[in-house]
Amino acid sequence: MLTLEQIKEKIKAGLPGAEVEILDPRKDGVHIKVIVTFAGFEGKPLLQQHRMVYQTLKEELKEKVHALGIETKVRYDG
């Protein structure tokens, strides 16, 4: 089973420069919520932002993660 830290690192690797927070309200490691703040979301609709996050975890979502909630935020640099 993937650890929360491994999930965080996979998202960060797929979205370089992103800030990632992971919440595990049930403390079961499979019903998780990720909060991703990423400058690359700027100008993109919410659905596309969520797809970008899902893409980084495509393999994990097939088997290891049962439920994934996503919250995205645009990080403005400068």
PDB file of N, CA and C in Angstrom:
ATOM      1  N   MET A   1       0.840  -1.185   0.000  1.00  0.00           N
ATOM      2  CA  MET A   1       0.000   0.000   0.000  1.00  0.00           C
ATOM      3  C   MET A   1       0.883   1.247   0.000  1.00  0.00           C
ATOM      4  N   LEU A   2       0.469   2.230  -0.758  1.00  0.00           N
ATOM      5  CA  LEU A   2       1.197   3.481  -0.871  1.00  0.00           C
ATOM      6  C   LEU A   2       1.019   4.306   0.398  1.00  0.00           C
ATOM      7  N   THR A   3       2.093   4.897   0.868  1.00  0.00           N
ATOM      8  CA  THR A   3       1.983   5.776   2.031  1.00  0.00           C
ATOM      9  C   THR A   3       1.516   7.159   1.576  1.00  0.00           C
ATOM     10  N   LEU A   4       1.015   7.926   2.514  1.00  0.00           N
ATOM     11  CA  LEU A   4       0.579   9.282   2.188  1.00  0.00           C
ATOM     12  C   LEU A   4       1.750  10.115   1.680  1.00  0.00           C
ATOM     13  N   GLU A   5       2.925   9.881   2.239  1.00  0.00           N
ATOM     14  CA  GLU A   5       4.115  10.614   1.795  1.00  0.00           C
ATOM     15  C   GLU A   5       4.466  10.258   0.350  1.00  0.00           C
ATOM     16  N   GLN A   6       4.300   8.983  -0.025  1.00  0.00           N
ATOM     17  CA  GLN A   6       4.575   8.571  -1.409  1.00  0.00           C
ATOM     18  C   GLN A   6       3.582   9.217  -2.376  1.00  0.00           C
ATOM     19  N   ILE A   7       2.324   9.310  -1.968  1.00  0.00           N
ATOM     20  CA  ILE A   7       1.326   9.974  -2.807  1.00  0.00           C
ATOM     21  C   ILE A   7       1.701  11.441  -2.986  1.00  0.00           C
ATOM     22  N   LYS A   8       2.078  12.069  -1.895  1.00  0.00           N
ATOM     23  CA  LYS A   8       2.492  13.477  -1.943  1.00  0.00           C
ATOM     24  C   LYS A   8       3.668  13.664  -2.901  1.00  0.00           C
ATOM     25  N   GLU A   9       4.655  12.800  -2.807  1.00  0.00           N
ATOM     26  CA  GLU A   9       5.838  12.908  -3.667  1.00  0.00           C
ATOM     27  C   GLU A   9       5.503  12.658  -5.131  1.00  0.00           C
ATOM     28  N   LYS A  10       4.579  11.741  -5.416  1.00  0.00           N
ATOM     29  CA  LYS A  10       4.170  11.481  -6.803  1.00  0.00           C
ATOM     30  C   LYS A  10       3.499  12.709  -7.404  1.00  0.00           C
ATOM     31  N   ILE A  11       2.643  13.368  -6.628  1.00  0.00           N
ATOM     32  CA  ILE A  11       1.989  14.583  -7.131  1.00  0.00           C
ATOM     33  C   ILE A  11       3.032  15.667  -7.370  1.00  0.00           C
ATOM     34  N   LYS A  12       3.952  15.844  -6.423  1.00  0.00           N
ATOM     35  CA  LYS A  12       4.991  16.869  -6.556  1.00  0.00           C
ATOM     36  C   LYS A  12       5.903  16.588  -7.751  1.00  0.00           C
ATOM     37  N   ALA A  13       6.165  15.316  -8.016  1.00  0.00           N
ATOM     38  CA  ALA A  13       7.000  14.961  -9.167  1.00  0.00           C
ATOM     39  C   ALA A  13       6.269  15.255 -10.475  1.00  0.00           C
ATOM     40  N   GLY A  14       4.956  15.017 -10.488  1.00  0.00           N
ATOM     41  CA  GLY A  14       4.171  15.246 -11.692  1.00  0.00           C
ATOM     42  C   GLY A  14       3.823  16.702 -11.935  1.00  0.00           C
ATOM     43  N   LEU A  15       3.812  17.482 -10.871  1.00  0.00           N
ATOM     44  CA  LEU A  15       3.509  18.914 -10.951  1.00  0.00           C
ATOM     45  C   LEU A  15       4.634  19.677 -10.246  1.00  0.00           C
ATOM     46  N   PRO A  16       5.790  19.781 -10.892  1.00  0.00           N
ATOM     47  CA  PRO A  16       6.955  20.393 -10.236  1.00  0.00           C
ATOM     48  C   PRO A  16       6.666  21.799  -9.709  1.00  0.00           C
ATOM     49  N   GLY A  17       7.030  22.009  -8.461  1.00  0.00           N
ATOM     50  CA  GLY A  17       6.819  23.298  -7.816  1.00  0.00           C
ATOM     51  C   GLY A  17       5.511  23.378  -7.047  1.00  0.00           C
ATOM     52  N   ALA A  18       4.703  22.329  -7.122  1.00  0.00           N
ATOM     53  CA  ALA A  18       3.419  22.328  -6.421  1.00  0.00           C
ATOM     54  C   ALA A  18       3.622  22.162  -4.919  1.00  0.00           C
ATOM     55  N   GLU A  19       2.725  22.768  -4.164  1.00  0.00           N
ATOM     56  CA  GLU A  19       2.649  22.533  -2.729  1.00  0.00           C
ATOM     57  C   GLU A  19       1.514  21.540  -2.532  1.00  0.00           C
ATOM     58  N   VAL A  20       1.757  20.478  -1.768  1.00  0.00           N
ATOM     59  CA  VAL A  20       0.769  19.414  -1.620  1.00  0.00           C
ATOM     60  C   VAL A  20       0.537  19.133  -0.139  1.00  0.00           C
ATOM     61  N   GLU A  21      -0.741  19.148   0.237  1.00  0.00           N
ATOM     62  CA  GLU A  21      -1.136  18.768   1.593  1.00  0.00           C
ATOM     63  C   GLU A  21      -2.081  17.583   1.459  1.00  0.00           C
ATOM     64  N   ILE A  22      -1.898  16.590   2.309  1.00  0.00           N
ATOM     65  CA  ILE A  22      -2.745  15.404   2.257  1.00  0.00           C
ATOM     66  C   ILE A  22      -3.488  15.252   3.577  1.00  0.00           C
ATOM     67  N   LEU A  23      -4.791  15.052   3.470  1.00  0.00           N
ATOM     68  CA  LEU A  23      -5.629  14.825   4.639  1.00  0.00           C
ATOM     69  C   LEU A  23      -6.154  13.391   4.580  1.00  0.00           C
ATOM     70  N   ASP A  24      -6.166  12.746   5.705  1.00  0.00           N
ATOM     71  CA  ASP A  24      -6.650  11.359   5.806  1.00  0.00           C
ATOM     72  C   ASP A  24      -7.653  11.295   6.953  1.00  0.00           C
ATOM     73  N   PRO A  25      -8.859  11.856   6.740  1.00  0.00           N
ATOM     74  CA  PRO A  25      -9.803  11.988   7.851  1.00  0.00           C
ATOM     75  C   PRO A  25     -10.211  10.669   8.494  1.00  0.00           C
ATOM     76  N   ARG A  26     -10.261   9.595   7.732  1.00  0.00           N
ATOM     77  CA  ARG A  26     -10.639   8.297   8.300  1.00  0.00           C
ATOM     78  C   ARG A  26      -9.438   7.529   8.855  1.00  0.00           C
ATOM     79  N   LYS A  27      -8.257   8.064   8.637  1.00  0.00           N
ATOM     80  CA  LYS A  27      -7.011   7.430   9.099  1.00  0.00           C
ATOM     81  C   LYS A  27      -6.869   6.005   8.563  1.00  0.00           C
ATOM     82  N   ASP A  28      -7.325   5.818   7.307  1.00  0.00           N
ATOM     83  CA  ASP A  28      -7.233   4.481   6.713  1.00  0.00           C
ATOM     84  C   ASP A  28      -6.305   4.434   5.499  1.00  0.00           C
ATOM     85  N   GLY A  29      -5.813   5.593   5.054  1.00  0.00           N
ATOM     86  CA  GLY A  29      -4.872   5.624   3.946  1.00  0.00           C
ATOM     87  C   GLY A  29      -5.489   5.398   2.581  1.00  0.00           C
ATOM     88  N   VAL A  30      -6.787   5.181   2.499  1.00  0.00           N
ATOM     89  CA  VAL A  30      -7.416   4.964   1.194  1.00  0.00           C
ATOM     90  C   VAL A  30      -8.536   5.963   0.884  1.00  0.00           C
ATOM     91  N   HIS A  31      -9.024   6.659   1.870  1.00  0.00           N
ATOM     92  CA  HIS A  31     -10.015   7.722   1.670  1.00  0.00           C
ATOM     93  C   HIS A  31      -9.295   9.030   1.988  1.00  0.00           C
ATOM     94  N   ILE A  32      -8.680   9.613   0.969  1.00  0.00           N
ATOM     95  CA  ILE A  32      -7.832  10.774   1.229  1.00  0.00           C
ATOM     96  C   ILE A  32      -8.298  11.995   0.448  1.00  0.00           C
ATOM     97  N   LYS A  33      -7.843  13.145   0.923  1.00  0.00           N
ATOM     98  CA  LYS A  33      -8.077  14.400   0.226  1.00  0.00           C
ATOM     99  C   LYS A  33      -6.723  15.069   0.034  1.00  0.00           C
ATOM    100  N   VAL A  34      -6.502  15.563  -1.171  1.00  0.00           N
ATOM    101  CA  VAL A  34      -5.273  16.296  -1.441  1.00  0.00           C
ATOM    102  C   VAL A  34      -5.630  17.750  -1.740  1.00  0.00           C
ATOM    103  N   ILE A  35      -4.816  18.623  -1.208  1.00  0.00           N
ATOM    104  CA  ILE A  35      -4.938  20.047  -1.499  1.00  0.00           C
ATOM    105  C   ILE A  35      -3.654  20.429  -2.235  1.00  0.00           C
ATOM    106  N   VAL A  36      -3.816  20.828  -3.488  1.00  0.00           N
ATOM    107  CA  VAL A  36      -2.663  21.105  -4.336  1.00  0.00           C
ATOM    108  C   VAL A  36      -2.686  22.568  -4.749  1.00  0.00           C
ATOM    109  N   THR A  37      -1.612  23.268  -4.427  1.00  0.00           N
ATOM    110  CA  THR A  37      -1.438  24.658  -4.826  1.00  0.00           C
ATOM    111  C   THR A  37      -0.324  24.687  -5.860  1.00  0.00           C
ATOM    112  N   PHE A  38      -0.652  25.188  -7.057  1.00  0.00           N
ATOM    113  CA  PHE A  38       0.289  25.055  -8.180  1.00  0.00           C
ATOM    114  C   PHE A  38       0.121  26.234  -9.136  1.00  0.00           C
ATOM    115  N   ALA A  39       1.219  26.890  -9.467  1.00  0.00           N
ATOM    116  CA  ALA A  39       1.169  28.023 -10.395  1.00  0.00           C
ATOM    117  C   ALA A  39       0.657  27.587 -11.767  1.00  0.00           C
ATOM    118  N   GLY A  40       0.903  26.336 -12.149  1.00  0.00           N
ATOM    119  CA  GLY A  40       0.479  25.829 -13.451  1.00  0.00           C
ATOM    120  C   GLY A  40      -1.022  25.703 -13.622  1.00  0.00           C
ATOM    121  N   PHE A  41      -1.788  25.888 -12.559  1.00  0.00           N
ATOM    122  CA  PHE A  41      -3.245  25.847 -12.667  1.00  0.00           C
ATOM    123  C   PHE A  41      -3.823  27.161 -13.202  1.00  0.00           C
ATOM    124  N   GLU A  42      -3.027  28.207 -13.187  1.00  0.00           N
ATOM    125  CA  GLU A  42      -3.535  29.522 -13.575  1.00  0.00           C
ATOM    126  C   GLU A  42      -4.132  29.491 -14.974  1.00  0.00           C
ATOM    127  N   GLY A  43      -5.341  30.027 -15.093  1.00  0.00           N
ATOM    128  CA  GLY A  43      -6.008  30.115 -16.383  1.00  0.00           C
ATOM    129  C   GLY A  43      -6.690  28.827 -16.827  1.00  0.00           C
ATOM    130  N   LYS A  44      -6.584  27.775 -16.031  1.00  0.00           N
ATOM    131  CA  LYS A  44      -7.189  26.492 -16.393  1.00  0.00           C
ATOM    132  C   LYS A  44      -8.484  26.290 -15.609  1.00  0.00           C
ATOM    133  N   PRO A  45      -9.500  25.737 -16.272  1.00  0.00           N
ATOM    134  CA  PRO A  45     -10.741  25.463 -15.545  1.00  0.00           C
ATOM    135  C   PRO A  45     -10.528  24.396 -14.472  1.00  0.00           C
ATOM    136  N   LEU A  46     -11.424  24.384 -13.488  1.00  0.00           N
ATOM    137  CA  LEU A  46     -11.314  23.468 -12.361  1.00  0.00           C
ATOM    138  C   LEU A  46     -11.193  22.010 -12.809  1.00  0.00           C
ATOM    139  N   LEU A  47     -11.998  21.606 -13.771  1.00  0.00           N
ATOM    140  CA  LEU A  47     -11.955  20.224 -14.245  1.00  0.00           C
ATOM    141  C   LEU A  47     -10.570  19.866 -14.781  1.00  0.00           C
ATOM    142  N   GLN A  48      -9.967  20.757 -15.529  1.00  0.00           N
ATOM    143  CA  GLN A  48      -8.631  20.498 -16.062  1.00  0.00           C
ATOM    144  C   GLN A  48      -7.590  20.435 -14.934  1.00  0.00           C
ATOM    145  N   GLN A  49      -7.727  21.283 -13.921  1.00  0.00           N
ATOM    146  CA  GLN A  49      -6.821  21.248 -12.774  1.00  0.00           C
ATOM    147  C   GLN A  49      -6.902  19.885 -12.091  1.00  0.00           C
ATOM    148  N   HIS A  50      -8.121  19.401 -11.877  1.00  0.00           N
ATOM    149  CA  HIS A  50      -8.303  18.104 -11.218  1.00  0.00           C
ATOM    150  C   HIS A  50      -7.751  16.976 -12.080  1.00  0.00           C
ATOM    151  N   ARG A  51      -7.931  17.067 -13.387  1.00  0.00           N
ATOM    152  CA  ARG A  51      -7.380  16.044 -14.285  1.00  0.00           C
ATOM    153  C   ARG A  51      -5.852  16.009 -14.214  1.00  0.00           C
ATOM    154  N   MET A  52      -5.248  17.175 -14.061  1.00  0.00           N
ATOM    155  CA  MET A  52      -3.791  17.238 -13.952  1.00  0.00           C
ATOM    156  C   MET A  52      -3.317  16.473 -12.712  1.00  0.00           C
ATOM    157  N   VAL A  53      -4.055  16.622 -11.607  1.00  0.00           N
ATOM    158  CA  VAL A  53      -3.697  15.910 -10.378  1.00  0.00           C
ATOM    159  C   VAL A  53      -3.946  14.412 -10.558  1.00  0.00           C
ATOM    160  N   TYR A  54      -5.109  14.052 -11.098  1.00  0.00           N
ATOM    161  CA  TYR A  54      -5.423  12.635 -11.322  1.00  0.00           C
ATOM    162  C   TYR A  54      -4.358  11.961 -12.188  1.00  0.00           C
ATOM    163  N   GLN A  55      -3.871  12.679 -13.195  1.00  0.00           N
ATOM    164  CA  GLN A  55      -2.870  12.109 -14.105  1.00  0.00           C
ATOM    165  C   GLN A  55      -1.600  11.685 -13.355  1.00  0.00           C
ATOM    166  N   THR A  56      -1.231  12.432 -12.330  1.00  0.00           N
ATOM    167  CA  THR A  56      -0.013  12.090 -11.582  1.00  0.00           C
ATOM    168  C   THR A  56      -0.183  10.806 -10.779  1.00  0.00           C
ATOM    169  N   LEU A  57      -1.431  10.428 -10.501  1.00  0.00           N
ATOM    170  CA  LEU A  57      -1.720   9.240  -9.674  1.00  0.00           C
ATOM    171  C   LEU A  57      -2.491   8.176 -10.456  1.00  0.00           C
ATOM    172  N   LYS A  58      -2.384   8.218 -11.765  1.00  0.00           N
ATOM    173  CA  LYS A  58      -3.187   7.341 -12.617  1.00  0.00           C
ATOM    174  C   LYS A  58      -3.089   5.865 -12.214  1.00  0.00           C
ATOM    175  N   GLU A  59      -1.886   5.366 -12.008  1.00  0.00           N
ATOM    176  CA  GLU A  59      -1.705   3.948 -11.660  1.00  0.00           C
ATOM    177  C   GLU A  59      -2.227   3.645 -10.257  1.00  0.00           C
ATOM    178  N   GLU A  60      -1.958   4.538  -9.323  1.00  0.00           N
ATOM    179  CA  GLU A  60      -2.372   4.329  -7.936  1.00  0.00           C
ATOM    180  C   GLU A  60      -3.891   4.302  -7.794  1.00  0.00           C
ATOM    181  N   LEU A  61      -4.572   5.106  -8.607  1.00  0.00           N
ATOM    182  CA  LEU A  61      -6.022   5.180  -8.507  1.00  0.00           C
ATOM    183  C   LEU A  61      -6.703   3.916  -9.027  1.00  0.00           C
ATOM    184  N   LYS A  62      -5.979   3.119  -9.793  1.00  0.00           N
ATOM    185  CA  LYS A  62      -6.549   1.875 -10.302  1.00  0.00           C
ATOM    186  C   LYS A  62      -6.752   0.859  -9.189  1.00  0.00           C
ATOM    187  N   GLU A  63      -5.844   0.842  -8.203  1.00  0.00           N
ATOM    188  CA  GLU A  63      -5.893  -0.212  -7.199  1.00  0.00           C
ATOM    189  C   GLU A  63      -5.762   0.257  -5.762  1.00  0.00           C
ATOM    190  N   LYS A  64      -4.902   1.219  -5.521  1.00  0.00           N
ATOM    191  CA  LYS A  64      -4.461   1.478  -4.156  1.00  0.00           C
ATOM    192  C   LYS A  64      -5.266   2.534  -3.409  1.00  0.00           C
ATOM    193  N   VAL A  65      -5.800   3.500  -4.119  1.00  0.00           N
ATOM    194  CA  VAL A  65      -6.536   4.575  -3.464  1.00  0.00           C
ATOM    195  C   VAL A  65      -8.015   4.387  -3.773  1.00  0.00           C
ATOM    196  N   HIS A  66      -8.813   4.246  -2.744  1.00  0.00           N
ATOM    197  CA  HIS A  66     -10.236   3.974  -2.935  1.00  0.00           C
ATOM    198  C   HIS A  66     -11.022   5.245  -3.239  1.00  0.00           C
ATOM    199  N   ALA A  67     -10.773   6.303  -2.506  1.00  0.00           N
ATOM    200  CA  ALA A  67     -11.501   7.548  -2.705  1.00  0.00           C
ATOM    201  C   ALA A  67     -10.532   8.720  -2.583  1.00  0.00           C
ATOM    202  N   LEU A  68     -10.569   9.593  -3.583  1.00  0.00           N
ATOM    203  CA  LEU A  68      -9.658  10.726  -3.596  1.00  0.00           C
ATOM    204  C   LEU A  68     -10.450  12.006  -3.792  1.00  0.00           C
ATOM    205  N   GLY A  69     -10.376  12.886  -2.816  1.00  0.00           N
ATOM    206  CA  GLY A  69     -10.957  14.213  -2.946  1.00  0.00           C
ATOM    207  C   GLY A  69      -9.842  15.171  -3.328  1.00  0.00           C
ATOM    208  N   ILE A  70     -10.145  16.089  -4.216  1.00  0.00           N
ATOM    209  CA  ILE A  70      -9.124  17.033  -4.671  1.00  0.00           C
ATOM    210  C   ILE A  70      -9.613  18.456  -4.487  1.00  0.00           C
ATOM    211  N   GLU A  71      -8.748  19.273  -3.925  1.00  0.00           N
ATOM    212  CA  GLU A  71      -8.965  20.723  -3.867  1.00  0.00           C
ATOM    213  C   GLU A  71      -7.746  21.344  -4.516  1.00  0.00           C
ATOM    214  N   THR A  72      -7.979  22.229  -5.493  1.00  0.00           N
ATOM    215  CA  THR A  72      -6.858  22.872  -6.163  1.00  0.00           C
ATOM    216  C   THR A  72      -6.913  24.374  -5.940  1.00  0.00           C
ATOM    217  N   LYS A  73      -5.722  24.957  -5.885  1.00  0.00           N
ATOM    218  CA  LYS A  73      -5.583  26.403  -5.714  1.00  0.00           C
ATOM    219  C   LYS A  73      -4.479  26.870  -6.635  1.00  0.00           C
ATOM    220  N   VAL A  74      -4.640  28.061  -7.181  1.00  0.00           N
ATOM    221  CA  VAL A  74      -3.597  28.641  -8.017  1.00  0.00           C
ATOM    222  C   VAL A  74      -2.615  29.365  -7.125  1.00  0.00           C
ATOM    223  N   ARG A  75      -1.334  29.070  -7.315  1.00  0.00           N
ATOM    224  CA  ARG A  75      -0.309  29.818  -6.586  1.00  0.00           C
ATOM    225  C   ARG A  75       0.178  30.935  -7.496  1.00  0.00           C
ATOM    226  N   TYR A  76       0.100  32.138  -7.001  1.00  0.00           N
ATOM    227  CA  TYR A  76       0.557  33.296  -7.756  1.00  0.00           C
ATOM    228  C   TYR A  76       1.933  33.669  -7.270  1.00  0.00           C
ATOM    229  N   ASP A  77       2.903  33.577  -8.153  1.00  0.00           N
ATOM    230  CA  ASP A  77       4.270  33.959  -7.809  1.00  0.00           C
ATOM    231  C   ASP A  77       4.479  35.405  -8.198  1.00  0.00           C
ATOM    232  N   GLY A  78       5.142  36.109  -7.304  1.00  0.00           N
ATOM    233  CA  GLY A  78       5.498  37.463  -7.656  1.00  0.00           C
ATOM    234  C   GLY A  78       4.791  38.488  -6.949  1.00  0.00           C
TER     235      GLY A  78
END
